[in-house]
Amino acid sequence: MDVVSMVSGFMAAQAGAIQTQVATTMLKQNLDAQKSAVLTLLGVGQQPSLANVGAGIGGNLNITA
């Protein structure tokens, strides 16, 4: 086997490994962004909304005796 072809094959394998690492990183970032969008749409982690309750609910509570 020629030395040049062996080095060329090794460099091609290294380039393929780098491309795989970049693709994996980009895929993970994309999945994280999609997860964040879904959680935002579902309202996970947000304070509960008091928009659908009656007047006076959720206001200040006076507990002085």
C-alpha atoms as a PDB file:
ATOM      1  CA  MET A   1       0.000   0.000   0.000  1.00  0.00           C
ATOM      2  CA  ASP A   2       1.306   3.384  -0.976  1.00  0.00           C
ATOM      3  CA  VAL A   3       2.100   5.817   1.865  1.00  0.00           C
ATOM      4  CA  VAL A   4       0.256   8.662   0.139  1.00  0.00           C
ATOM      5  CA  SER A   5      -2.946   6.648  -0.207  1.00  0.00           C
ATOM      6  CA  MET A   6      -2.696   5.512   3.409  1.00  0.00           C
ATOM      7  CA  VAL A   7      -2.319   9.113   4.617  1.00  0.00           C
ATOM      8  CA  SER A   8      -5.149  10.178   2.334  1.00  0.00           C
ATOM      9  CA  GLY A   9      -7.402   7.489   3.770  1.00  0.00           C
ATOM     10  CA  PHE A  10      -6.516   8.504   7.309  1.00  0.00           C
ATOM     11  CA  MET A  11      -7.278  12.168   6.574  1.00  0.00           C
ATOM     12  CA  ALA A  12     -10.614  11.215   5.007  1.00  0.00           C
ATOM     13  CA  ALA A  13     -11.504   9.219   8.122  1.00  0.00           C
ATOM     14  CA  GLN A  14     -10.582  12.184  10.345  1.00  0.00           C
ATOM     15  CA  ALA A  15     -12.714  14.530   8.219  1.00  0.00           C
ATOM     16  CA  GLY A  16     -15.638  12.116   8.488  1.00  0.00           C
ATOM     17  CA  ALA A  17     -15.267  11.983  12.271  1.00  0.00           C
ATOM     18  CA  ILE A  18     -15.250  15.786  12.492  1.00  0.00           C
ATOM     19  CA  GLN A  19     -18.339  16.019  10.286  1.00  0.00           C
ATOM     20  CA  THR A  20     -20.108  13.504  12.513  1.00  0.00           C
ATOM     21  CA  GLN A  21     -19.234  15.492  15.643  1.00  0.00           C
ATOM     22  CA  VAL A  22     -20.500  18.728  14.083  1.00  0.00           C
ATOM     23  CA  ALA A  23     -23.712  17.066  12.927  1.00  0.00           C
ATOM     24  CA  THR A  24     -24.303  15.574  16.374  1.00  0.00           C
ATOM     25  CA  THR A  25     -23.773  18.953  18.052  1.00  0.00           C
ATOM     26  CA  MET A  26     -26.152  20.692  15.650  1.00  0.00           C
ATOM     27  CA  LEU A  27     -28.779  17.978  16.110  1.00  0.00           C
ATOM     28  CA  LYS A  28     -28.609  18.328  19.890  1.00  0.00           C
ATOM     29  CA  GLN A  29     -28.969  22.109  19.669  1.00  0.00           C
ATOM     30  CA  ASN A  30     -31.955  21.710  17.356  1.00  0.00           C
ATOM     31  CA  LEU A  31     -33.619  19.225  19.699  1.00  0.00           C
ATOM     32  CA  ASP A  32     -33.015  21.520  22.680  1.00  0.00           C
ATOM     33  CA  ALA A  33     -34.619  24.416  20.791  1.00  0.00           C
ATOM     34  CA  GLN A  34     -37.627  22.285  19.877  1.00  0.00           C
ATOM     35  CA  LYS A  35     -37.978  21.112  23.476  1.00  0.00           C
ATOM     36  CA  SER A  36     -37.902  24.711  24.677  1.00  0.00           C
ATOM     37  CA  ALA A  37     -40.567  25.693  22.139  1.00  0.00           C
ATOM     38  CA  VAL A  38     -42.850  22.836  23.184  1.00  0.00           C
ATOM     39  CA  LEU A  39     -42.446  23.619  26.885  1.00  0.00           C
ATOM     40  CA  THR A  40     -43.230  27.271  26.184  1.00  0.00           C
ATOM     41  CA  LEU A  41     -46.372  26.321  24.254  1.00  0.00           C
ATOM     42  CA  LEU A  42     -47.473  23.993  27.053  1.00  0.00           C
ATOM     43  CA  GLY A  43     -46.769  26.645  29.680  1.00  0.00           C
ATOM     44  CA  VAL A  44     -44.529  24.383  31.738  1.00  0.00           C
ATOM     45  CA  GLY A  45     -42.558  26.204  34.424  1.00  0.00           C
ATOM     46  CA  GLN A  46     -44.627  29.358  34.329  1.00  0.00           C
ATOM     47  CA  GLN A  47     -46.660  30.895  37.116  1.00  0.00           C
ATOM     48  CA  PRO A  48     -50.296  29.788  37.055  1.00  0.00           C
ATOM     49  CA  SER A  49     -52.576  32.254  35.327  1.00  0.00           C
ATOM     50  CA  LEU A  50     -55.431  33.827  37.285  1.00  0.00           C
ATOM     51  CA  ALA A  51     -57.179  35.093  34.147  1.00  0.00           C
ATOM     52  CA  ASN A  52     -60.088  32.626  34.389  1.00  0.00           C
ATOM     53  CA  VAL A  53     -60.984  33.066  38.077  1.00  0.00           C
ATOM     54  CA  GLY A  54     -63.514  35.387  39.663  1.00  0.00           C
ATOM     55  CA  ALA A  55     -62.903  38.919  40.835  1.00  0.00           C
ATOM     56  CA  GLY A  56     -60.937  39.204  44.073  1.00  0.00           C
ATOM     57  CA  ILE A  57     -59.324  35.778  43.794  1.00  0.00           C
ATOM     58  CA  GLY A  58     -55.544  35.836  43.969  1.00  0.00           C
ATOM     59  CA  GLY A  59     -55.334  39.281  45.509  1.00  0.00           C
ATOM     60  CA  ASN A  60     -53.757  40.280  48.793  1.00  0.00           C
ATOM     61  CA  LEU A  61     -54.899  38.407  51.884  1.00  0.00           C
ATOM     62  CA  ASN A  62     -55.214  40.284  55.142  1.00  0.00           C
ATOM     63  CA  ILE A  63     -54.522  37.877  58.018  1.00  0.00           C
ATOM     64  CA  THR A  64     -54.328  40.435  60.865  1.00  0.00           C
ATOM     65  CA  ALA A  65     -56.362  39.544  63.911  1.00  0.00           C
END
